[in-house]
Amino acid sequence: MASAFRIFVGNLAYSLMIGILSLFAGGLVKICVLFLFGFSFGHVANLYWQRVAPRICTARLSQNRT
């Protein structure tokens, strides 16, 4: 649970950083798009590390044993 909260805060910080950077470029629509992109990217990366990466590691370990 703590790691999920840490990831959520990381996603939020990443999205805010992109939002602030895009603020200088101008355009409220651009800020919203980049905010959503940053948050969805963080979510996908989170899913990858939770689901895909452990399977790849266990598959490689089982190949090494045989």
PDB file of N, CA and C in Angstrom:
ATOM      1  N   MET A   1       0.832  -1.200   0.000  1.00  0.00           N
ATOM      2  CA  MET A   1       0.000   0.000   0.000  1.00  0.00           C
ATOM      3  C   MET A   1       0.873   1.260   0.000  1.00  0.00           C
ATOM      4  N   ALA A   2       1.950   1.211   0.779  1.00  0.00           N
ATOM      5  CA  ALA A   2       2.847   2.378   0.851  1.00  0.00           C
ATOM      6  C   ALA A   2       3.508   2.646  -0.501  1.00  0.00           C
ATOM      7  N   SER A   3       3.884   1.552  -1.206  1.00  0.00           N
ATOM      8  CA  SER A   3       4.536   1.733  -2.501  1.00  0.00           C
ATOM      9  C   SER A   3       3.556   2.308  -3.527  1.00  0.00           C
ATOM     10  N   ALA A   4       2.288   1.897  -3.455  1.00  0.00           N
ATOM     11  CA  ALA A   4       1.268   2.426  -4.364  1.00  0.00           C
ATOM     12  C   ALA A   4       1.079   3.919  -4.128  1.00  0.00           C
ATOM     13  N   PHE A   5       1.095   4.325  -2.867  1.00  0.00           N
ATOM     14  CA  PHE A   5       0.965   5.744  -2.530  1.00  0.00           C
ATOM     15  C   PHE A   5       2.171   6.527  -3.028  1.00  0.00           C
ATOM     16  N   ARG A   6       3.375   5.948  -2.859  1.00  0.00           N
ATOM     17  CA  ARG A   6       4.600   6.599  -3.324  1.00  0.00           C
ATOM     18  C   ARG A   6       4.576   6.777  -4.840  1.00  0.00           C
ATOM     19  N   ILE A   7       4.109   5.752  -5.558  1.00  0.00           N
ATOM     20  CA  ILE A   7       4.008   5.818  -7.019  1.00  0.00           C
ATOM     21  C   ILE A   7       2.999   6.882  -7.434  1.00  0.00           C
ATOM     22  N   PHE A   8       1.866   6.946  -6.704  1.00  0.00           N
ATOM     23  CA  PHE A   8       0.837   7.950  -6.992  1.00  0.00           C
ATOM     24  C   PHE A   8       1.402   9.358  -6.828  1.00  0.00           C
ATOM     25  N   VAL A   9       2.132   9.580  -5.738  1.00  0.00           N
ATOM     26  CA  VAL A   9       2.742  10.892  -5.490  1.00  0.00           C
ATOM     27  C   VAL A   9       3.778  11.205  -6.572  1.00  0.00           C
ATOM     28  N   GLY A  10       4.540  10.172  -6.980  1.00  0.00           N
ATOM     29  CA  GLY A  10       5.510  10.360  -8.053  1.00  0.00           C
ATOM     30  C   GLY A  10       4.849  10.753  -9.364  1.00  0.00           C
ATOM     31  N   ASN A  11       3.743  10.090  -9.675  1.00  0.00           N
ATOM     32  CA  ASN A  11       2.996  10.421 -10.895  1.00  0.00           C
ATOM     33  C   ASN A  11       2.474  11.851 -10.833  1.00  0.00           C
ATOM     34  N   LEU A  12       1.968  12.236  -9.671  1.00  0.00           N
ATOM     35  CA  LEU A  12       1.412  13.568  -9.491  1.00  0.00           C
ATOM     36  C   LEU A  12       2.506  14.626  -9.645  1.00  0.00           C
ATOM     37  N   ALA A  13       3.677  14.363  -9.039  1.00  0.00           N
ATOM     38  CA  ALA A  13       4.796  15.305  -9.134  1.00  0.00           C
ATOM     39  C   ALA A  13       5.278  15.427 -10.580  1.00  0.00           C
ATOM     40  N   TYR A  14       5.363  14.281 -11.273  1.00  0.00           N
ATOM     41  CA  TYR A  14       5.774  14.266 -12.677  1.00  0.00           C
ATOM     42  C   TYR A  14       4.798  15.071 -13.535  1.00  0.00           C
ATOM     43  N   SER A  15       3.499  14.865 -13.286  1.00  0.00           N
ATOM     44  CA  SER A  15       2.474  15.568 -14.054  1.00  0.00           C
ATOM     45  C   SER A  15       2.510  17.066 -13.764  1.00  0.00           C
ATOM     46  N   LEU A  16       2.705  17.431 -12.512  1.00  0.00           N
ATOM     47  CA  LEU A  16       2.785  18.847 -12.154  1.00  0.00           C
ATOM     48  C   LEU A  16       4.008  19.503 -12.788  1.00  0.00           C
ATOM     49  N   MET A  17       5.120  18.778 -12.829  1.00  0.00           N
ATOM     50  CA  MET A  17       6.343  19.295 -13.447  1.00  0.00           C
ATOM     51  C   MET A  17       6.091  19.599 -14.925  1.00  0.00           C
ATOM     52  N   ILE A  18       5.453  18.654 -15.620  1.00  0.00           N
ATOM     53  CA  ILE A  18       5.138  18.856 -17.039  1.00  0.00           C
ATOM     54  C   ILE A  18       4.161  20.023 -17.206  1.00  0.00           C
ATOM     55  N   GLY A  19       3.200  20.101 -16.294  1.00  0.00           N
ATOM     56  CA  GLY A  19       2.228  21.192 -16.337  1.00  0.00           C
ATOM     57  C   GLY A  19       2.885  22.553 -16.187  1.00  0.00           C
ATOM     58  N   ILE A  20       3.838  22.648 -15.263  1.00  0.00           N
ATOM     59  CA  ILE A  20       4.550  23.917 -15.034  1.00  0.00           C
ATOM     60  C   ILE A  20       5.408  24.271 -16.251  1.00  0.00           C
ATOM     61  N   LEU A  21       6.075  23.264 -16.812  1.00  0.00           N
ATOM     62  CA  LEU A  21       6.901  23.510 -18.000  1.00  0.00           C
ATOM     63  C   LEU A  21       6.042  23.968 -19.176  1.00  0.00           C
ATOM     64  N   SER A  22       4.896  23.330 -19.347  1.00  0.00           N
ATOM     65  CA  SER A  22       4.028  23.693 -20.468  1.00  0.00           C
ATOM     66  C   SER A  22       3.346  25.037 -20.243  1.00  0.00           C
ATOM     67  N   LEU A  23       3.284  25.467 -18.994  1.00  0.00           N
ATOM     68  CA  LEU A  23       2.700  26.770 -18.678  1.00  0.00           C
ATOM     69  C   LEU A  23       3.507  27.878 -19.346  1.00  0.00           C
ATOM     70  N   PHE A  24       4.831  27.712 -19.364  1.00  0.00           N
ATOM     71  CA  PHE A  24       5.695  28.700 -20.012  1.00  0.00           C
ATOM     72  C   PHE A  24       5.501  28.667 -21.526  1.00  0.00           C
ATOM     73  N   ALA A  25       5.221  27.486 -22.074  1.00  0.00           N
ATOM     74  CA  ALA A  25       4.965  27.377 -23.509  1.00  0.00           C
ATOM     75  C   ALA A  25       3.610  27.993 -23.852  1.00  0.00           C
ATOM     76  N   GLY A  26       2.688  27.976 -22.890  1.00  0.00           N
ATOM     77  CA  GLY A  26       1.383  28.581 -23.085  1.00  0.00           C
ATOM     78  C   GLY A  26       0.349  27.582 -23.556  1.00  0.00           C
ATOM     79  N   GLY A  27      -0.916  27.862 -23.241  1.00  0.00           N
ATOM     80  CA  GLY A  27      -2.016  27.030 -23.708  1.00  0.00           C
ATOM     81  C   GLY A  27      -2.548  26.095 -22.639  1.00  0.00           C
ATOM     82  N   LEU A  28      -3.775  26.327 -22.215  1.00  0.00           N
ATOM     83  CA  LEU A  28      -4.399  25.514 -21.173  1.00  0.00           C
ATOM     84  C   LEU A  28      -4.673  24.102 -21.662  1.00  0.00           C
ATOM     85  N   VAL A  29      -5.023  23.961 -22.939  1.00  0.00           N
ATOM     86  CA  VAL A  29      -5.298  22.638 -23.510  1.00  0.00           C
ATOM     87  C   VAL A  29      -4.042  21.781 -23.478  1.00  0.00           C
ATOM     88  N   LYS A  30      -2.909  22.392 -23.835  1.00  0.00           N
ATOM     89  CA  LYS A  30      -1.625  21.675 -23.836  1.00  0.00           C
ATOM     90  C   LYS A  30      -1.287  21.177 -22.431  1.00  0.00           C
ATOM     91  N   ILE A  31      -1.553  22.006 -21.422  1.00  0.00           N
ATOM     92  CA  ILE A  31      -1.298  21.627 -20.035  1.00  0.00           C
ATOM     93  C   ILE A  31      -2.131  20.400 -19.659  1.00  0.00           C
ATOM     94  N   CYS A  32      -3.410  20.432 -20.014  1.00  0.00           N
ATOM     95  CA  CYS A  32      -4.299  19.308 -19.693  1.00  0.00           C
ATOM     96  C   CYS A  32      -3.850  18.027 -20.384  1.00  0.00           C
ATOM     97  N   VAL A  33      -3.491  18.124 -21.659  1.00  0.00           N
ATOM     98  CA  VAL A  33      -3.053  16.952 -22.428  1.00  0.00           C
ATOM     99  C   VAL A  33      -1.772  16.373 -21.834  1.00  0.00           C
ATOM    100  N   LEU A  34      -0.802  17.230 -21.544  1.00  0.00           N
ATOM    101  CA  LEU A  34       0.462  16.771 -20.972  1.00  0.00           C
ATOM    102  C   LEU A  34       0.261  16.202 -19.569  1.00  0.00           C
ATOM    103  N   PHE A  35      -0.648  16.797 -18.800  1.00  0.00           N
ATOM    104  CA  PHE A  35      -0.940  16.292 -17.456  1.00  0.00           C
ATOM    105  C   PHE A  35      -1.498  14.876 -17.543  1.00  0.00           C
ATOM    106  N   LEU A  36      -2.472  14.683 -18.432  1.00  0.00           N
ATOM    107  CA  LEU A  36      -3.079  13.362 -18.606  1.00  0.00           C
ATOM    108  C   LEU A  36      -2.072  12.364 -19.151  1.00  0.00           C
ATOM    109  N   PHE A  37      -1.241  12.803 -20.093  1.00  0.00           N
ATOM    110  CA  PHE A  37      -0.219  11.923 -20.666  1.00  0.00           C
ATOM    111  C   PHE A  37       0.779  11.490 -19.599  1.00  0.00           C
ATOM    112  N   GLY A  38       1.242  12.440 -18.809  1.00  0.00           N
ATOM    113  CA  GLY A  38       2.202  12.131 -17.747  1.00  0.00           C
ATOM    114  C   GLY A  38       1.624  11.170 -16.728  1.00  0.00           C
ATOM    115  N   PHE A  39       0.359  11.379 -16.368  1.00  0.00           N
ATOM    116  CA  PHE A  39      -0.266  10.511 -15.366  1.00  0.00           C
ATOM    117  C   PHE A  39      -0.492   9.115 -15.921  1.00  0.00           C
ATOM    118  N   SER A  40      -0.958   9.019 -17.178  1.00  0.00           N
ATOM    119  CA  SER A  40      -1.199   7.703 -17.787  1.00  0.00           C
ATOM    120  C   SER A  40       0.122   6.967 -18.031  1.00  0.00           C
ATOM    121  N   PHE A  41       1.174   7.703 -18.374  1.00  0.00           N
ATOM    122  CA  PHE A  41       2.490   7.085 -18.565  1.00  0.00           C
ATOM    123  C   PHE A  41       2.992   6.481 -17.251  1.00  0.00           C
ATOM    124  N   GLY A  42       2.823   7.213 -16.170  1.00  0.00           N
ATOM    125  CA  GLY A  42       3.219   6.705 -14.859  1.00  0.00           C
ATOM    126  C   GLY A  42       2.421   5.478 -14.470  1.00  0.00           C
ATOM    127  N   HIS A  43       1.137   5.476 -14.814  1.00  0.00           N
ATOM    128  CA  HIS A  43       0.267   4.339 -14.492  1.00  0.00           C
ATOM    129  C   HIS A  43       0.690   3.095 -15.278  1.00  0.00           C
ATOM    130  N   VAL A  44       0.982   3.277 -16.560  1.00  0.00           N
ATOM    131  CA  VAL A  44       1.416   2.157 -17.402  1.00  0.00           C
ATOM    132  C   VAL A  44       2.755   1.605 -16.908  1.00  0.00           C
ATOM    133  N   ALA A  45       3.677   2.493 -16.555  1.00  0.00           N
ATOM    134  CA  ALA A  45       4.979   2.062 -16.025  1.00  0.00           C
ATOM    135  C   ALA A  45       4.798   1.288 -14.724  1.00  0.00           C
ATOM    136  N   ASN A  46       3.872   1.750 -13.891  1.00  0.00           N
ATOM    137  CA  ASN A  46       3.568   1.072 -12.634  1.00  0.00           C
ATOM    138  C   ASN A  46       3.037  -0.335 -12.897  1.00  0.00           C
ATOM    139  N   LEU A  47       2.106  -0.457 -13.836  1.00  0.00           N
ATOM    140  CA  LEU A  47       1.552  -1.771 -14.190  1.00  0.00           C
ATOM    141  C   LEU A  47       2.640  -2.685 -14.742  1.00  0.00           C
ATOM    142  N   TYR A  48       3.527  -2.123 -15.560  1.00  0.00           N
ATOM    143  CA  TYR A  48       4.617  -2.917 -16.142  1.00  0.00           C
ATOM    144  C   TYR A  48       5.498  -3.509 -15.045  1.00  0.00           C
ATOM    145  N   TRP A  49       5.892  -2.681 -14.090  1.00  0.00           N
ATOM    146  CA  TRP A  49       6.797  -3.155 -13.031  1.00  0.00           C
ATOM    147  C   TRP A  49       6.108  -4.135 -12.099  1.00  0.00           C
ATOM    148  N   GLN A  50       4.788  -3.996 -11.928  1.00  0.00           N
ATOM    149  CA  GLN A  50       4.074  -4.910 -11.030  1.00  0.00           C
ATOM    150  C   GLN A  50       3.773  -6.255 -11.694  1.00  0.00           C
ATOM    151  N   ARG A  51       3.453  -6.255 -12.995  1.00  0.00           N
ATOM    152  CA  ARG A  51       2.962  -7.469 -13.649  1.00  0.00           C
ATOM    153  C   ARG A  51       3.972  -8.106 -14.600  1.00  0.00           C
ATOM    154  N   VAL A  52       4.541  -7.315 -15.500  1.00  0.00           N
ATOM    155  CA  VAL A  52       5.364  -7.865 -16.584  1.00  0.00           C
ATOM    156  C   VAL A  52       6.780  -8.183 -16.109  1.00  0.00           C
ATOM    157  N   ALA A  53       7.419  -7.244 -15.423  1.00  0.00           N
ATOM    158  CA  ALA A  53       8.810  -7.421 -14.998  1.00  0.00           C
ATOM    159  C   ALA A  53       9.027  -8.663 -14.124  1.00  0.00           C
ATOM    160  N   PRO A  54       8.178  -8.941 -13.115  1.00  0.00           N
ATOM    161  CA  PRO A  54       8.393 -10.159 -12.318  1.00  0.00           C
ATOM    162  C   PRO A  54       8.308 -11.440 -13.151  1.00  0.00           C
ATOM    163  N   ARG A  55       7.417 -11.478 -14.143  1.00  0.00           N
ATOM    164  CA  ARG A  55       7.291 -12.656 -15.015  1.00  0.00           C
ATOM    165  C   ARG A  55       8.548 -12.855 -15.845  1.00  0.00           C
ATOM    166  N   ILE A  56       9.110 -11.768 -16.361  1.00  0.00           N
ATOM    167  CA  ILE A  56      10.332 -11.854 -17.158  1.00  0.00           C
ATOM    168  C   ILE A  56      11.474 -12.376 -16.284  1.00  0.00           C
ATOM    169  N   CYS A  57      11.569 -11.863 -15.060  1.00  0.00           N
ATOM    170  CA  CYS A  57      12.638 -12.286 -14.149  1.00  0.00           C
ATOM    171  C   CYS A  57      12.498 -13.761 -13.786  1.00  0.00           C
ATOM    172  N   THR A  58      11.278 -14.209 -13.479  1.00  0.00           N
ATOM    173  CA  THR A  58      11.077 -15.617 -13.101  1.00  0.00           C
ATOM    174  C   THR A  58      11.305 -16.525 -14.300  1.00  0.00           C
ATOM    175  N   ALA A  59      10.958 -16.070 -15.504  1.00  0.00           N
ATOM    176  CA  ALA A  59      11.195 -16.880 -16.710  1.00  0.00           C
ATOM    177  C   ALA A  59      12.689 -17.051 -16.945  1.00  0.00           C
ATOM    178  N   ARG A  60      13.457 -16.007 -16.759  1.00  0.00           N
ATOM    179  CA  ARG A  60      14.907 -16.080 -16.940  1.00  0.00           C
ATOM    180  C   ARG A  60      15.542 -16.971 -15.873  1.00  0.00           C
ATOM    181  N   LEU A  61      15.044 -16.888 -14.647  1.00  0.00           N
ATOM    182  CA  LEU A  61      15.574 -17.725 -13.573  1.00  0.00           C
ATOM    183  C   LEU A  61      15.310 -19.199 -13.851  1.00  0.00           C
ATOM    184  N   SER A  62      14.108 -19.508 -14.345  1.00  0.00           N
ATOM    185  CA  SER A  62      13.774 -20.905 -14.632  1.00  0.00           C
ATOM    186  C   SER A  62      14.595 -21.439 -15.811  1.00  0.00           C
ATOM    187  N   GLN A  63      14.932 -20.567 -16.777  1.00  0.00           N
ATOM    188  CA  GLN A  63      15.783 -20.988 -17.899  1.00  0.00           C
ATOM    189  C   GLN A  63      17.195 -21.289 -17.413  1.00  0.00           C
ATOM    190  N   ASN A  64      17.668 -20.518 -16.458  1.00  0.00           N
ATOM    191  CA  ASN A  64      19.019 -20.724 -15.930  1.00  0.00           C
ATOM    192  C   ASN A  64      19.133 -22.032 -15.150  1.00  0.00           C
ATOM    193  N   ARG A  65      18.056 -22.449 -14.508  1.00  0.00           N
ATOM    194  CA  ARG A  65      18.082 -23.664 -13.696  1.00  0.00           C
ATOM    195  C   ARG A  65      18.178 -24.923 -14.535  1.00  0.00           C
ATOM    196  N   THR A  66      17.540 -24.910 -15.710  1.00  0.00           N
ATOM    197  CA  THR A  66      17.511 -26.120 -16.546  1.00  0.00           C
ATOM    198  C   THR A  66      18.833 -26.321 -17.278  1.00  0.00           C
TER     199      THR A  66
END
